[in-house]
């Protein structure tokens, strides 16, 4: 299955950008595209993790900022 290949049509401007993204001159477009896919997956995972952490911290931050004792000091 790994040796299965297909022909795709892409704009010449995309080919130019893929050429710029190559790590070395003879790197295949398949390798470049695979790298970009992994990069996108990792970014999405990082974004999901960041959202999870922010949501988990939201309640604690609410406790810290909505503290009646602190409000008393503001008016002292």
PDB file of N, CA and C in Angstrom:
ATOM      1  N   UNK A   1       0.818  -1.177   0.000  1.00  0.00           N
ATOM      2  CA  UNK A   1       0.000   0.000   0.000  1.00  0.00           C
ATOM      3  C   UNK A   1       0.878   1.264   0.000  1.00  0.00           C
ATOM      4  N   UNK A   2       2.020   1.234   0.680  1.00  0.00           N
ATOM      5  CA  UNK A   2       2.919   2.386   0.739  1.00  0.00           C
ATOM      6  C   UNK A   2       3.399   2.796  -0.647  1.00  0.00           C
ATOM      7  N   UNK A   3       3.466   1.862  -1.576  1.00  0.00           N
ATOM      8  CA  UNK A   3       3.965   2.174  -2.906  1.00  0.00           C
ATOM      9  C   UNK A   3       2.883   2.688  -3.825  1.00  0.00           C
ATOM     10  N   UNK A   4       1.636   2.712  -3.352  1.00  0.00           N
ATOM     11  CA  UNK A   4       0.562   3.252  -4.163  1.00  0.00           C
ATOM     12  C   UNK A   4       0.779   4.750  -4.321  1.00  0.00           C
ATOM     13  N   UNK A   5       0.666   5.215  -5.547  1.00  0.00           N
ATOM     14  CA  UNK A   5       0.817   6.642  -5.812  1.00  0.00           C
ATOM     15  C   UNK A   5      -0.347   7.119  -6.659  1.00  0.00           C
ATOM     16  N   UNK A   6      -0.528   8.413  -6.670  1.00  0.00           N
ATOM     17  CA  UNK A   6      -1.579   9.017  -7.467  1.00  0.00           C
ATOM     18  C   UNK A   6      -1.038  10.282  -8.112  1.00  0.00           C
ATOM     19  N   UNK A   7      -1.728  10.750  -9.086  1.00  0.00           N
ATOM     20  CA  UNK A   7      -1.375  12.005  -9.735  1.00  0.00           C
ATOM     21  C   UNK A   7      -2.386  13.046  -9.302  1.00  0.00           C
ATOM     22  N   UNK A   8      -1.884  14.186  -8.848  1.00  0.00           N
ATOM     23  CA  UNK A   8      -2.781  15.266  -8.444  1.00  0.00           C
ATOM     24  C   UNK A   8      -2.448  16.513  -9.261  1.00  0.00           C
ATOM     25  N   UNK A   9      -3.408  17.383  -9.368  1.00  0.00           N
ATOM     26  CA  UNK A   9      -3.185  18.651 -10.062  1.00  0.00           C
ATOM     27  C   UNK A   9      -3.148  19.763  -9.026  1.00  0.00           C
ATOM     28  N   UNK A  10      -2.081  20.542  -9.088  1.00  0.00           N
ATOM     29  CA  UNK A  10      -1.970  21.690  -8.194  1.00  0.00           C
ATOM     30  C   UNK A  10      -1.478  22.884  -9.008  1.00  0.00           C
ATOM     31  N   UNK A  11      -1.805  24.054  -8.527  1.00  0.00           N
ATOM     32  CA  UNK A  11      -1.400  25.282  -9.217  1.00  0.00           C
ATOM     33  C   UNK A  11       0.116  25.425  -9.178  1.00  0.00           C
ATOM     34  N   UNK A  12       0.641  26.070 -10.201  1.00  0.00           N
ATOM     35  CA  UNK A  12       2.089  26.275 -10.274  1.00  0.00           C
ATOM     36  C   UNK A  12       2.589  27.105  -9.096  1.00  0.00           C
ATOM     37  N   UNK A  13       1.766  28.011  -8.604  1.00  0.00           N
ATOM     38  CA  UNK A  13       2.190  28.809  -7.449  1.00  0.00           C
ATOM     39  C   UNK A  13       2.356  27.920  -6.216  1.00  0.00           C
ATOM     40  N   UNK A  14       1.521  26.877  -6.124  1.00  0.00           N
ATOM     41  CA  UNK A  14       1.641  25.933  -5.002  1.00  0.00           C
ATOM     42  C   UNK A  14       2.927  25.129  -5.151  1.00  0.00           C
ATOM     43  N   UNK A  15       3.232  24.730  -6.369  1.00  0.00           N
ATOM     44  CA  UNK A  15       4.480  23.999  -6.625  1.00  0.00           C
ATOM     45  C   UNK A  15       5.676  24.862  -6.220  1.00  0.00           C
ATOM     46  N   UNK A  16       5.620  26.142  -6.561  1.00  0.00           N
ATOM     47  CA  UNK A  16       6.713  27.050  -6.190  1.00  0.00           C
ATOM     48  C   UNK A  16       6.876  27.116  -4.670  1.00  0.00           C
ATOM     49  N   UNK A  17       5.760  27.186  -3.959  1.00  0.00           N
ATOM     50  CA  UNK A  17       5.814  27.232  -2.495  1.00  0.00           C
ATOM     51  C   UNK A  17       6.324  25.911  -1.924  1.00  0.00           C
ATOM     52  N   UNK A  18       5.902  24.797  -2.515  1.00  0.00           N
ATOM     53  CA  UNK A  18       6.408  23.493  -2.072  1.00  0.00           C
ATOM     54  C   UNK A  18       7.914  23.407  -2.288  1.00  0.00           C
ATOM     55  N   UNK A  19       8.388  23.932  -3.399  1.00  0.00           N
ATOM     56  CA  UNK A  19       9.829  23.932  -3.661  1.00  0.00           C
ATOM     57  C   UNK A  19      10.569  24.745  -2.603  1.00  0.00           C
ATOM     58  N   UNK A  20       9.998  25.869  -2.196  1.00  0.00           N
ATOM     59  CA  UNK A  20      10.623  26.692  -1.157  1.00  0.00           C
ATOM     60  C   UNK A  20      10.624  25.981   0.191  1.00  0.00           C
ATOM     61  N   UNK A  21       9.631  25.118   0.418  1.00  0.00           N
ATOM     62  CA  UNK A  21       9.502  24.434   1.699  1.00  0.00           C
ATOM     63  C   UNK A  21      10.403  23.209   1.815  1.00  0.00           C
ATOM     64  N   UNK A  22      11.004  22.786   0.720  1.00  0.00           N
ATOM     65  CA  UNK A  22      11.868  21.602   0.758  1.00  0.00           C
ATOM     66  C   UNK A  22      13.065  21.838   1.667  1.00  0.00           C
ATOM     67  N   UNK A  23      13.416  20.783   2.422  1.00  0.00           N
ATOM     68  CA  UNK A  23      14.589  20.856   3.297  1.00  0.00           C
ATOM     69  C   UNK A  23      15.866  20.664   2.484  1.00  0.00           C
ATOM     70  N   UNK A  24      15.779  19.866   1.429  1.00  0.00           N
ATOM     71  CA  UNK A  24      16.900  19.657   0.525  1.00  0.00           C
ATOM     72  C   UNK A  24      16.351  19.528  -0.890  1.00  0.00           C
ATOM     73  N   UNK A  25      17.184  19.778  -1.864  1.00  0.00           N
ATOM     74  CA  UNK A  25      16.767  19.915  -3.261  1.00  0.00           C
ATOM     75  C   UNK A  25      16.010  18.715  -3.807  1.00  0.00           C
ATOM     76  N   UNK A  26      16.419  17.518  -3.478  1.00  0.00           N
ATOM     77  CA  UNK A  26      15.811  16.320  -4.067  1.00  0.00           C
ATOM     78  C   UNK A  26      14.684  15.727  -3.210  1.00  0.00           C
ATOM     79  N   UNK A  27      14.264  16.443  -2.198  1.00  0.00           N
ATOM     80  CA  UNK A  27      13.148  15.985  -1.362  1.00  0.00           C
ATOM     81  C   UNK A  27      11.882  15.925  -2.212  1.00  0.00           C
ATOM     82  N   UNK A  28      11.090  14.890  -2.019  1.00  0.00           N
ATOM     83  CA  UNK A  28       9.879  14.734  -2.829  1.00  0.00           C
ATOM     84  C   UNK A  28       8.756  15.633  -2.305  1.00  0.00           C
ATOM     85  N   UNK A  29       7.809  15.945  -3.203  1.00  0.00           N
ATOM     86  CA  UNK A  29       6.639  16.706  -2.786  1.00  0.00           C
ATOM     87  C   UNK A  29       5.847  15.920  -1.747  1.00  0.00           C
ATOM     88  N   UNK A  30       5.824  14.617  -1.898  1.00  0.00           N
ATOM     89  CA  UNK A  30       5.120  13.771  -0.936  1.00  0.00           C
ATOM     90  C   UNK A  30       5.705  13.955   0.463  1.00  0.00           C
ATOM     91  N   UNK A  31       7.027  14.005   0.558  1.00  0.00           N
ATOM     92  CA  UNK A  31       7.679  14.213   1.851  1.00  0.00           C
ATOM     93  C   UNK A  31       7.352  15.595   2.420  1.00  0.00           C
ATOM     94  N   UNK A  32       7.368  16.603   1.563  1.00  0.00           N
ATOM     95  CA  UNK A  32       7.066  17.963   2.010  1.00  0.00           C
ATOM     96  C   UNK A  32       5.626  18.039   2.508  1.00  0.00           C
ATOM     97  N   UNK A  33       4.707  17.478   1.747  1.00  0.00           N
ATOM     98  CA  UNK A  33       3.294  17.503   2.121  1.00  0.00           C
ATOM     99  C   UNK A  33       3.073  16.713   3.408  1.00  0.00           C
ATOM    100  N   UNK A  34       3.724  15.580   3.550  1.00  0.00           N
ATOM    101  CA  UNK A  34       3.602  14.782   4.779  1.00  0.00           C
ATOM    102  C   UNK A  34       4.095  15.572   5.982  1.00  0.00           C
ATOM    103  N   UNK A  35       5.209  16.270   5.812  1.00  0.00           N
ATOM    104  CA  UNK A  35       5.730  17.109   6.893  1.00  0.00           C
ATOM    105  C   UNK A  35       4.717  18.191   7.268  1.00  0.00           C
ATOM    106  N   UNK A  36       4.129  18.839   6.264  1.00  0.00           N
ATOM    107  CA  UNK A  36       3.152  19.895   6.519  1.00  0.00           C
ATOM    108  C   UNK A  36       1.915  19.347   7.232  1.00  0.00           C
ATOM    109  N   UNK A  37       1.481  18.155   6.849  1.00  0.00           N
ATOM    110  CA  UNK A  37       0.327  17.529   7.504  1.00  0.00           C
ATOM    111  C   UNK A  37       0.637  17.270   8.976  1.00  0.00           C
ATOM    112  N   UNK A  38       1.812  16.732   9.273  1.00  0.00           N
ATOM    113  CA  UNK A  38       2.202  16.475  10.664  1.00  0.00           C
ATOM    114  C   UNK A  38       2.280  17.778  11.453  1.00  0.00           C
ATOM    115  N   UNK A  39       2.816  18.810  10.816  1.00  0.00           N
ATOM    116  CA  UNK A  39       2.913  20.117  11.463  1.00  0.00           C
ATOM    117  C   UNK A  39       1.524  20.621  11.838  1.00  0.00           C
ATOM    118  N   UNK A  40       0.579  20.513  10.916  1.00  0.00           N
ATOM    119  CA  UNK A  40      -0.792  20.966  11.169  1.00  0.00           C
ATOM    120  C   UNK A  40      -1.428  20.150  12.290  1.00  0.00           C
ATOM    121  N   UNK A  41      -1.236  18.831  12.265  1.00  0.00           N
ATOM    122  CA  UNK A  41      -1.783  17.976  13.332  1.00  0.00           C
ATOM    123  C   UNK A  41      -1.233  18.401  14.684  1.00  0.00           C
ATOM    124  N   UNK A  42       0.066  18.632  14.753  1.00  0.00           N
ATOM    125  CA  UNK A  42       0.696  19.034  16.018  1.00  0.00           C
ATOM    126  C   UNK A  42       0.176  20.379  16.487  1.00  0.00           C
ATOM    127  N   UNK A  43      -0.024  21.304  15.571  1.00  0.00           N
ATOM    128  CA  UNK A  43      -0.553  22.616  15.932  1.00  0.00           C
ATOM    129  C   UNK A  43      -1.977  22.496  16.466  1.00  0.00           C
ATOM    130  N   UNK A  44      -2.777  21.634  15.840  1.00  0.00           N
ATOM    131  CA  UNK A  44      -4.152  21.438  16.304  1.00  0.00           C
ATOM    132  C   UNK A  44      -4.152  20.819  17.696  1.00  0.00           C
ATOM    133  N   UNK A  45      -3.276  19.830  17.918  1.00  0.00           N
ATOM    134  CA  UNK A  45      -3.178  19.204  19.235  1.00  0.00           C
ATOM    135  C   UNK A  45      -2.742  20.229  20.276  1.00  0.00           C
ATOM    136  N   UNK A  46      -1.784  21.078  19.920  1.00  0.00           N
ATOM    137  CA  UNK A  46      -1.311  22.113  20.840  1.00  0.00           C
ATOM    138  C   UNK A  46      -2.447  23.086  21.152  1.00  0.00           C
ATOM    139  N   UNK A  47      -3.202  23.459  20.136  1.00  0.00           N
ATOM    140  CA  UNK A  47      -4.325  24.377  20.329  1.00  0.00           C
ATOM    141  C   UNK A  47      -5.386  23.758  21.236  1.00  0.00           C
ATOM    142  N   UNK A  48      -5.675  22.469  21.022  1.00  0.00           N
ATOM    143  CA  UNK A  48      -6.646  21.779  21.874  1.00  0.00           C
ATOM    144  C   UNK A  48      -6.147  21.711  23.311  1.00  0.00           C
ATOM    145  N   UNK A  49      -4.856  21.444  23.501  1.00  0.00           N
ATOM    146  CA  UNK A  49      -4.274  21.391  24.834  1.00  0.00           C
ATOM    147  C   UNK A  49      -4.369  22.760  25.510  1.00  0.00           C
ATOM    148  N   UNK A  50      -4.042  23.813  24.761  1.00  0.00           N
ATOM    149  CA  UNK A  50      -4.125  25.163  25.306  1.00  0.00           C
ATOM    150  C   UNK A  50      -5.553  25.488  25.741  1.00  0.00           C
ATOM    151  N   UNK A  51      -6.532  25.111  24.929  1.00  0.00           N
ATOM    152  CA  UNK A  51      -7.934  25.342  25.283  1.00  0.00           C
ATOM    153  C   UNK A  51      -8.300  24.577  26.553  1.00  0.00           C
ATOM    154  N   UNK A  52      -7.826  23.329  26.659  1.00  0.00           N
ATOM    155  CA  UNK A  52      -8.090  22.508  27.840  1.00  0.00           C
ATOM    156  C   UNK A  52      -7.522  23.166  29.088  1.00  0.00           C
ATOM    157  N   UNK A  53      -6.283  23.630  29.011  1.00  0.00           N
ATOM    158  CA  UNK A  53      -5.626  24.259  30.156  1.00  0.00           C
ATOM    159  C   UNK A  53      -6.351  25.549  30.536  1.00  0.00           C
ATOM    160  N   UNK A  54      -6.717  26.345  29.537  1.00  0.00           N
ATOM    161  CA  UNK A  54      -7.426  27.597  29.825  1.00  0.00           C
ATOM    162  C   UNK A  54      -8.763  27.311  30.502  1.00  0.00           C
ATOM    163  N   UNK A  55      -9.469  26.313  30.045  1.00  0.00           N
ATOM    164  CA  UNK A  55     -10.764  25.965  30.633  1.00  0.00           C
ATOM    165  C   UNK A  55     -10.579  25.468  32.065  1.00  0.00           C
ATOM    166  N   UNK A  56      -9.536  24.668  32.280  1.00  0.00           N
ATOM    167  CA  UNK A  56      -9.273  24.146  33.616  1.00  0.00           C
ATOM    168  C   UNK A  56      -8.896  25.276  34.578  1.00  0.00           C
ATOM    169  N   UNK A  57      -8.208  26.270  34.091  1.00  0.00           N
ATOM    170  CA  UNK A  57      -7.774  27.379  34.940  1.00  0.00           C
ATOM    171  C   UNK A  57      -8.874  28.404  35.175  1.00  0.00           C
ATOM    172  N   UNK A  58      -9.884  28.409  34.333  1.00  0.00           N
ATOM    173  CA  UNK A  58     -10.928  29.427  34.411  1.00  0.00           C
ATOM    174  C   UNK A  58     -11.578  29.485  35.789  1.00  0.00           C
ATOM    175  N   UNK A  59     -11.927  28.336  36.355  1.00  0.00           N
ATOM    176  CA  UNK A  59     -12.590  28.297  37.662  1.00  0.00           C
ATOM    177  C   UNK A  59     -11.671  28.816  38.758  1.00  0.00           C
ATOM    178  N   UNK A  60     -10.399  28.414  38.727  1.00  0.00           N
ATOM    179  CA  UNK A  60      -9.447  28.881  39.742  1.00  0.00           C
ATOM    180  C   UNK A  60      -9.243  30.389  39.637  1.00  0.00           C
ATOM    181  N   UNK A  61      -9.155  30.892  38.433  1.00  0.00           N
ATOM    182  CA  UNK A  61      -8.991  32.331  38.247  1.00  0.00           C
ATOM    183  C   UNK A  61     -10.219  33.080  38.759  1.00  0.00           C
ATOM    184  N   UNK A  62     -11.379  32.517  38.553  1.00  0.00           N
ATOM    185  CA  UNK A  62     -12.607  33.129  39.040  1.00  0.00           C
ATOM    186  C   UNK A  62     -12.562  33.211  40.569  1.00  0.00           C
ATOM    187  N   UNK A  63     -12.072  32.137  41.211  1.00  0.00           N
ATOM    188  CA  UNK A  63     -11.940  32.124  42.668  1.00  0.00           C
ATOM    189  C   UNK A  63     -10.998  33.232  43.129  1.00  0.00           C
ATOM    190  N   UNK A  64      -9.886  33.380  42.435  1.00  0.00           N
ATOM    191  CA  UNK A  64      -8.890  34.367  42.828  1.00  0.00           C
ATOM    192  C   UNK A  64      -9.367  35.796  42.607  1.00  0.00           C
ATOM    193  N   UNK A  65     -10.030  36.043  41.503  1.00  0.00           N
ATOM    194  CA  UNK A  65     -10.416  37.408  41.157  1.00  0.00           C
ATOM    195  C   UNK A  65     -11.742  37.827  41.779  1.00  0.00           C
ATOM    196  N   UNK A  66     -12.612  36.878  42.040  1.00  0.00           N
ATOM    197  CA  UNK A  66     -13.903  37.202  42.645  1.00  0.00           C
ATOM    198  C   UNK A  66     -13.870  36.972  44.149  1.00  0.00           C
ATOM    199  N   UNK A  67     -12.794  37.377  44.773  1.00  0.00           N
ATOM    200  CA  UNK A  67     -12.568  37.144  46.184  1.00  0.00           C
ATOM    201  C   UNK A  67     -13.060  38.354  46.983  1.00  0.00           C
ATOM    202  N   UNK A  68     -14.022  38.165  47.875  1.00  0.00           N
ATOM    203  CA  UNK A  68     -14.591  39.253  48.673  1.00  0.00           C
ATOM    204  C   UNK A  68     -13.558  39.912  49.580  1.00  0.00           C
ATOM    205  N   UNK A  69     -12.607  39.137  50.085  1.00  0.00           N
ATOM    206  CA  UNK A  69     -11.578  39.699  50.968  1.00  0.00           C
ATOM    207  C   UNK A  69     -10.730  40.716  50.206  1.00  0.00           C
ATOM    208  N   UNK A  70     -10.423  40.425  48.957  1.00  0.00           N
ATOM    209  CA  UNK A  70      -9.644  41.364  48.150  1.00  0.00           C
ATOM    210  C   UNK A  70     -10.442  42.632  47.874  1.00  0.00           C
ATOM    211  N   UNK A  71     -11.738  42.486  47.650  1.00  0.00           N
ATOM    212  CA  UNK A  71     -12.579  43.655  47.384  1.00  0.00           C
ATOM    213  C   UNK A  71     -12.582  44.603  48.595  1.00  0.00           C
ATOM    214  N   UNK A  72     -12.531  44.050  49.803  1.00  0.00           N
ATOM    215  CA  UNK A  72     -12.513  44.868  51.005  1.00  0.00           C
ATOM    216  C   UNK A  72     -11.242  45.721  51.035  1.00  0.00           C
ATOM    217  N   UNK A  73     -10.111  45.176  50.616  1.00  0.00           N
ATOM    218  CA  UNK A  73      -8.868  45.916  50.609  1.00  0.00           C
ATOM    219  C   UNK A  73      -8.899  47.061  49.605  1.00  0.00           C
ATOM    220  N   UNK A  74      -9.601  46.869  48.488  1.00  0.00           N
ATOM    221  CA  UNK A  74      -9.690  47.921  47.480  1.00  0.00           C
ATOM    222  C   UNK A  74     -10.376  49.160  48.034  1.00  0.00           C
ATOM    223  N   UNK A  75     -11.330  48.972  48.950  1.00  0.00           N
ATOM    224  CA  UNK A  75     -12.094  50.080  49.498  1.00  0.00           C
ATOM    225  C   UNK A  75     -11.510  50.619  50.803  1.00  0.00           C
ATOM    226  N   UNK A  76     -10.381  50.097  51.252  1.00  0.00           N
ATOM    227  CA  UNK A  76      -9.812  50.504  52.548  1.00  0.00           C
ATOM    228  C   UNK A  76      -9.139  51.855  52.454  1.00  0.00           C
TER     229      UNK A  76
END
